[in-house]
Amino acid sequence: MTSSLLRRATVVGILAATSLALVAATPAFGPPWISIETPPNPFDPSSRGAFLMVHTFHHGDAVASGVTGTAEGIVSGARRSIPLAFDTTSRRGTYALRKQWPTDGTWMLVINTGGQAQGITALVELSAHGDVASVRVPTRRSGQWDLPQQVTARDIDAALQARASQALSARK
């Protein structure tokens, strides 16, 4: 090989290696996401006995972002808020939530993501029987993406009051 061809091959090799390194170091583009799974798989030891599972994603990839949350309720007319603890599981980006709130009253769960998937909130409404009645991740459309919307304390209070009013109407 001539020295000119050798230099050209070396430069091509360096460019290819640099391109691969840049692709590997570039974070996934697109919005983060949260997904709620219920019922949990009773055959997976890390999810056995859980109330629900939380999955966190960045774009299409599962990410171990961590989750936080609260159980928000109205019990005997009084507003209650209980911090939730989540367990890690055998799957990356998957967290188990075990029941940590009382049975009486009207409850909803507010589950937030952290890390790369920070800023996503799932609102999980619970039925009068204590089951998951609905899951909503507030979003707004922006170009090709459904981007998560910030959930405020006012949004949470309004959703909880609506659930409590429905529960009261159903009992009459």
C-alpha atoms as a PDB file:
ATOM      1  CA  MET A   1       0.000   0.000   0.000  1.00  0.00           C
ATOM      2  CA  THR A   2       1.341   3.448  -0.780  1.00  0.00           C
ATOM      3  CA  SER A   3       1.742   5.956   2.006  1.00  0.00           C
ATOM      4  CA  SER A   4      -1.041   8.118   0.500  1.00  0.00           C
ATOM      5  CA  LEU A   5      -3.504   5.185   0.523  1.00  0.00           C
ATOM      6  CA  LEU A   6      -2.381   4.219   4.005  1.00  0.00           C
ATOM      7  CA  ARG A   7      -3.005   7.744   5.297  1.00  0.00           C
ATOM      8  CA  ARG A   8      -6.423   7.854   3.600  1.00  0.00           C
ATOM      9  CA  ALA A   9      -7.366   4.467   5.119  1.00  0.00           C
ATOM     10  CA  THR A  10      -6.193   5.637   8.543  1.00  0.00           C
ATOM     11  CA  VAL A  11      -8.210   8.876   8.271  1.00  0.00           C
ATOM     12  CA  VAL A  12     -11.317   6.916   7.182  1.00  0.00           C
ATOM     13  CA  GLY A  13     -10.814   4.511  10.092  1.00  0.00           C
ATOM     14  CA  ILE A  14     -10.453   7.374  12.582  1.00  0.00           C
ATOM     15  CA  LEU A  15     -13.556   9.128  11.190  1.00  0.00           C
ATOM     16  CA  ALA A  16     -15.572   5.917  11.399  1.00  0.00           C
ATOM     17  CA  ALA A  17     -14.446   5.274  14.978  1.00  0.00           C
ATOM     18  CA  THR A  18     -15.203   8.891  15.947  1.00  0.00           C
ATOM     19  CA  SER A  19     -18.655   8.702  14.365  1.00  0.00           C
ATOM     20  CA  LEU A  20     -19.438   5.507  16.262  1.00  0.00           C
ATOM     21  CA  ALA A  21     -18.238   7.074  19.527  1.00  0.00           C
ATOM     22  CA  LEU A  22     -20.418  10.145  18.951  1.00  0.00           C
ATOM     23  CA  VAL A  23     -23.485   8.019  18.201  1.00  0.00           C
ATOM     24  CA  ALA A  24     -22.875   5.937  21.336  1.00  0.00           C
ATOM     25  CA  ALA A  25     -22.426   9.077  23.492  1.00  0.00           C
ATOM     26  CA  THR A  26     -25.451  10.929  22.088  1.00  0.00           C
ATOM     27  CA  PRO A  27     -28.513  10.612  24.307  1.00  0.00           C
ATOM     28  CA  ALA A  28     -31.737   9.355  22.739  1.00  0.00           C
ATOM     29  CA  PHE A  29     -33.810  12.187  21.332  1.00  0.00           C
ATOM     30  CA  GLY A  30     -37.493  12.513  21.911  1.00  0.00           C
ATOM     31  CA  PRO A  31     -39.546  12.918  25.024  1.00  0.00           C
ATOM     32  CA  PRO A  32     -39.401  10.830  28.174  1.00  0.00           C
ATOM     33  CA  TRP A  33     -42.427   8.730  29.126  1.00  0.00           C
ATOM     34  CA  ILE A  34     -44.034   6.886  32.012  1.00  0.00           C
ATOM     35  CA  SER A  35     -46.270   3.852  31.766  1.00  0.00           C
ATOM     36  CA  ILE A  36     -48.384   2.140  34.422  1.00  0.00           C
ATOM     37  CA  GLU A  37     -48.896  -1.639  34.342  1.00  0.00           C
ATOM     38  CA  THR A  38     -51.711  -3.365  36.163  1.00  0.00           C
ATOM     39  CA  PRO A  39     -52.152  -6.095  37.165  1.00  0.00           C
ATOM     40  CA  PRO A  40     -48.494  -6.874  37.870  1.00  0.00           C
ATOM     41  CA  ASN A  41     -47.073 -10.233  36.812  1.00  0.00           C
ATOM     42  CA  PRO A  42     -47.582 -12.599  39.787  1.00  0.00           C
ATOM     43  CA  PHE A  43     -44.913 -14.966  38.409  1.00  0.00           C
ATOM     44  CA  ASP A  44     -42.101 -12.379  38.657  1.00  0.00           C
ATOM     45  CA  PRO A  45     -40.755 -12.444  42.239  1.00  0.00           C
ATOM     46  CA  SER A  46     -39.871  -8.717  42.117  1.00  0.00           C
ATOM     47  CA  SER A  47     -43.452  -7.716  41.259  1.00  0.00           C
ATOM     48  CA  ARG A  48     -45.357 -10.338  43.237  1.00  0.00           C
ATOM     49  CA  GLY A  49     -47.790  -8.645  45.614  1.00  0.00           C
ATOM     50  CA  ALA A  50     -47.417  -5.208  44.017  1.00  0.00           C
ATOM     51  CA  PHE A  51     -50.458  -2.987  43.449  1.00  0.00           C
ATOM     52  CA  LEU A  52     -49.060  -1.735  40.122  1.00  0.00           C
ATOM     53  CA  MET A  53     -45.819  -1.386  38.178  1.00  0.00           C
ATOM     54  CA  VAL A  54     -44.294   1.851  36.885  1.00  0.00           C
ATOM     55  CA  HIS A  55     -42.106   1.848  33.744  1.00  0.00           C
ATOM     56  CA  THR A  56     -39.887   4.818  32.839  1.00  0.00           C
ATOM     57  CA  PHE A  57     -38.590   5.510  29.340  1.00  0.00           C
ATOM     58  CA  HIS A  58     -36.532   8.060  27.475  1.00  0.00           C
ATOM     59  CA  HIS A  59     -37.680   7.977  23.881  1.00  0.00           C
ATOM     60  CA  GLY A  60     -38.114   4.238  23.310  1.00  0.00           C
ATOM     61  CA  ASP A  61     -35.535   3.001  25.792  1.00  0.00           C
ATOM     62  CA  ALA A  62     -36.225   1.879  29.356  1.00  0.00           C
ATOM     63  CA  VAL A  63     -34.223   4.062  31.740  1.00  0.00           C
ATOM     64  CA  ALA A  64     -33.640   3.701  35.450  1.00  0.00           C
ATOM     65  CA  SER A  65     -34.856   7.198  36.321  1.00  0.00           C
ATOM     66  CA  GLY A  66     -36.336   6.523  39.707  1.00  0.00           C
ATOM     67  CA  VAL A  67     -39.870   7.469  40.667  1.00  0.00           C
ATOM     68  CA  THR A  68     -41.544   9.395  43.457  1.00  0.00           C
ATOM     69  CA  GLY A  69     -45.159   9.855  44.283  1.00  0.00           C
ATOM     70  CA  THR A  70     -47.955  10.505  46.695  1.00  0.00           C
ATOM     71  CA  ALA A  71     -51.345   9.006  47.422  1.00  0.00           C
ATOM     72  CA  GLU A  72     -53.745  11.949  47.493  1.00  0.00           C
ATOM     73  CA  GLY A  73     -57.052  11.385  49.231  1.00  0.00           C
ATOM     74  CA  ILE A  74     -60.141  12.737  50.873  1.00  0.00           C
ATOM     75  CA  VAL A  75     -61.131  10.747  53.946  1.00  0.00           C
ATOM     76  CA  SER A  76     -64.178  11.787  56.004  1.00  0.00           C
ATOM     77  CA  GLY A  77     -64.051  15.204  54.300  1.00  0.00           C
ATOM     78  CA  ALA A  78     -60.384  15.800  55.205  1.00  0.00           C
ATOM     79  CA  ARG A  79     -57.617  16.073  52.619  1.00  0.00           C
ATOM     80  CA  ARG A  80     -54.774  13.550  53.069  1.00  0.00           C
ATOM     81  CA  SER A  81     -51.408  13.132  51.361  1.00  0.00           C
ATOM     82  CA  ILE A  82     -49.197  10.072  51.877  1.00  0.00           C
ATOM     83  CA  PRO A  83     -45.665   9.812  50.399  1.00  0.00           C
ATOM     84  CA  LEU A  84     -45.189   6.586  48.428  1.00  0.00           C
ATOM     85  CA  ALA A  85     -42.175   4.272  48.436  1.00  0.00           C
ATOM     86  CA  PHE A  86     -41.324   2.312  45.276  1.00  0.00           C
ATOM     87  CA  ASP A  87     -39.274  -0.874  45.013  1.00  0.00           C
ATOM     88  CA  THR A  88     -36.798  -1.508  42.199  1.00  0.00           C
ATOM     89  CA  THR A  89     -37.393  -4.705  40.249  1.00  0.00           C
ATOM     90  CA  SER A  90     -35.405  -7.117  38.121  1.00  0.00           C
ATOM     91  CA  ARG A  91     -36.169  -5.019  35.016  1.00  0.00           C
ATOM     92  CA  ARG A  92     -34.395  -1.761  34.213  1.00  0.00           C
ATOM     93  CA  GLY A  93     -36.693   1.261  34.563  1.00  0.00           C
ATOM     94  CA  THR A  94     -39.445  -0.760  36.281  1.00  0.00           C
ATOM     95  CA  TYR A  95     -40.623  -0.044  39.813  1.00  0.00           C
ATOM     96  CA  ALA A  96     -43.153  -1.860  41.994  1.00  0.00           C
ATOM     97  CA  LEU A  97     -45.676   0.063  44.066  1.00  0.00           C
ATOM     98  CA  ARG A  98     -47.262  -1.740  46.988  1.00  0.00           C
ATOM     99  CA  LYS A  99     -50.469  -0.421  48.607  1.00  0.00           C
ATOM    100  CA  GLN A 100     -49.592   2.161  51.269  1.00  0.00           C
ATOM    101  CA  TRP A 101     -52.859   4.101  51.687  1.00  0.00           C
ATOM    102  CA  PRO A 102     -56.025   3.261  53.636  1.00  0.00           C
ATOM    103  CA  THR A 103     -59.069   1.652  52.067  1.00  0.00           C
ATOM    104  CA  ASP A 104     -61.591   4.260  53.193  1.00  0.00           C
ATOM    105  CA  GLY A 105     -61.995   7.538  51.345  1.00  0.00           C
ATOM    106  CA  THR A 106     -61.409   8.640  47.766  1.00  0.00           C
ATOM    107  CA  TRP A 107     -57.842   8.246  46.493  1.00  0.00           C
ATOM    108  CA  MET A 108     -55.665   8.975  43.502  1.00  0.00           C
ATOM    109  CA  LEU A 109     -51.961   8.332  42.985  1.00  0.00           C
ATOM    110  CA  VAL A 110     -49.597  10.982  41.645  1.00  0.00           C
ATOM    111  CA  ILE A 111     -46.474   9.294  40.262  1.00  0.00           C
ATOM    112  CA  ASN A 112     -43.495  11.318  38.988  1.00  0.00           C
ATOM    113  CA  THR A 113     -40.335  10.323  37.145  1.00  0.00           C
ATOM    114  CA  GLY A 114     -36.807  11.556  37.779  1.00  0.00           C
ATOM    115  CA  GLY A 115     -33.429  11.320  36.030  1.00  0.00           C
ATOM    116  CA  GLN A 116     -33.466  11.411  32.204  1.00  0.00           C
ATOM    117  CA  ALA A 117     -37.250  11.008  32.212  1.00  0.00           C
ATOM    118  CA  GLN A 118     -37.749  13.865  34.694  1.00  0.00           C
ATOM    119  CA  GLY A 119     -40.942  15.857  34.655  1.00  0.00           C
ATOM    120  CA  ILE A 120     -43.492  13.221  33.685  1.00  0.00           C
ATOM    121  CA  THR A 121     -46.500  12.695  35.916  1.00  0.00           C
ATOM    122  CA  ALA A 122     -49.033   9.890  35.781  1.00  0.00           C
ATOM    123  CA  LEU A 123     -52.359  10.506  37.513  1.00  0.00           C
ATOM    124  CA  VAL A 124     -53.822   7.179  38.617  1.00  0.00           C
ATOM    125  CA  GLU A 125     -57.446   7.376  39.725  1.00  0.00           C
ATOM    126  CA  LEU A 126     -58.664   4.633  42.029  1.00  0.00           C
ATOM    127  CA  SER A 127     -62.210   3.263  41.991  1.00  0.00           C
ATOM    128  CA  ALA A 128     -64.466   2.995  45.047  1.00  0.00           C
ATOM    129  CA  HIS A 129     -63.368  -0.658  45.219  1.00  0.00           C
ATOM    130  CA  GLY A 130     -59.687   0.354  45.346  1.00  0.00           C
ATOM    131  CA  ASP A 131     -58.781  -0.783  41.816  1.00  0.00           C
ATOM    132  CA  VAL A 132     -57.137   1.357  39.147  1.00  0.00           C
ATOM    133  CA  ALA A 133     -60.019   3.204  37.455  1.00  0.00           C
ATOM    134  CA  SER A 134     -57.924   5.217  34.984  1.00  0.00           C
ATOM    135  CA  VAL A 135     -54.410   6.391  34.216  1.00  0.00           C
ATOM    136  CA  ARG A 136     -53.708   9.726  32.585  1.00  0.00           C
ATOM    137  CA  VAL A 137     -50.406  11.327  31.587  1.00  0.00           C
ATOM    138  CA  PRO A 138     -51.260  14.937  30.703  1.00  0.00           C
ATOM    139  CA  THR A 139     -49.653  15.893  27.383  1.00  0.00           C
ATOM    140  CA  ARG A 140     -49.680  18.545  24.698  1.00  0.00           C
ATOM    141  CA  ARG A 141     -48.905  18.013  21.022  1.00  0.00           C
ATOM    142  CA  SER A 142     -45.693  19.604  19.718  1.00  0.00           C
ATOM    143  CA  GLY A 143     -44.715  18.655  16.190  1.00  0.00           C
ATOM    144  CA  GLN A 144     -44.380  14.879  16.051  1.00  0.00           C
ATOM    145  CA  TRP A 145     -44.281  14.420  19.855  1.00  0.00           C
ATOM    146  CA  ASP A 146     -46.829  14.281  22.636  1.00  0.00           C
ATOM    147  CA  LEU A 147     -44.889  16.207  25.257  1.00  0.00           C
ATOM    148  CA  PRO A 148     -45.703  15.852  28.923  1.00  0.00           C
ATOM    149  CA  GLN A 149     -47.389  18.785  30.595  1.00  0.00           C
ATOM    150  CA  GLN A 150     -46.438  20.003  34.019  1.00  0.00           C
ATOM    151  CA  VAL A 151     -49.032  18.891  36.587  1.00  0.00           C
ATOM    152  CA  THR A 152     -49.788  21.449  39.285  1.00  0.00           C
ATOM    153  CA  ALA A 153     -51.184  21.068  42.787  1.00  0.00           C
ATOM    154  CA  ARG A 154     -54.348  22.739  41.453  1.00  0.00           C
ATOM    155  CA  ASP A 155     -54.681  20.031  38.752  1.00  0.00           C
ATOM    156  CA  ILE A 156     -54.328  17.313  41.387  1.00  0.00           C
ATOM    157  CA  ASP A 157     -56.862  18.958  43.719  1.00  0.00           C
ATOM    158  CA  ALA A 158     -59.384  19.428  40.882  1.00  0.00           C
ATOM    159  CA  ALA A 159     -59.079  15.783  39.777  1.00  0.00           C
ATOM    160  CA  LEU A 160     -59.406  14.541  43.358  1.00  0.00           C
ATOM    161  CA  GLN A 161     -62.416  16.769  44.076  1.00  0.00           C
ATOM    162  CA  ALA A 162     -64.105  15.508  40.880  1.00  0.00           C
ATOM    163  CA  ARG A 163     -63.532  11.878  41.984  1.00  0.00           C
ATOM    164  CA  ALA A 164     -64.847  12.616  45.490  1.00  0.00           C
ATOM    165  CA  SER A 165     -67.961  14.311  44.031  1.00  0.00           C
ATOM    166  CA  GLN A 166     -68.591  11.298  41.753  1.00  0.00           C
ATOM    167  CA  ALA A 167     -68.197   8.914  44.691  1.00  0.00           C
ATOM    168  CA  LEU A 168     -70.603  10.972  46.823  1.00  0.00           C
ATOM    169  CA  SER A 169     -73.173  11.111  43.988  1.00  0.00           C
ATOM    170  CA  ALA A 170     -72.922   7.332  43.469  1.00  0.00           C
ATOM    171  CA  ARG A 171     -73.689   6.692  47.160  1.00  0.00           C
ATOM    172  CA  LYS A 172     -76.920   8.808  47.087  1.00  0.00           C
END
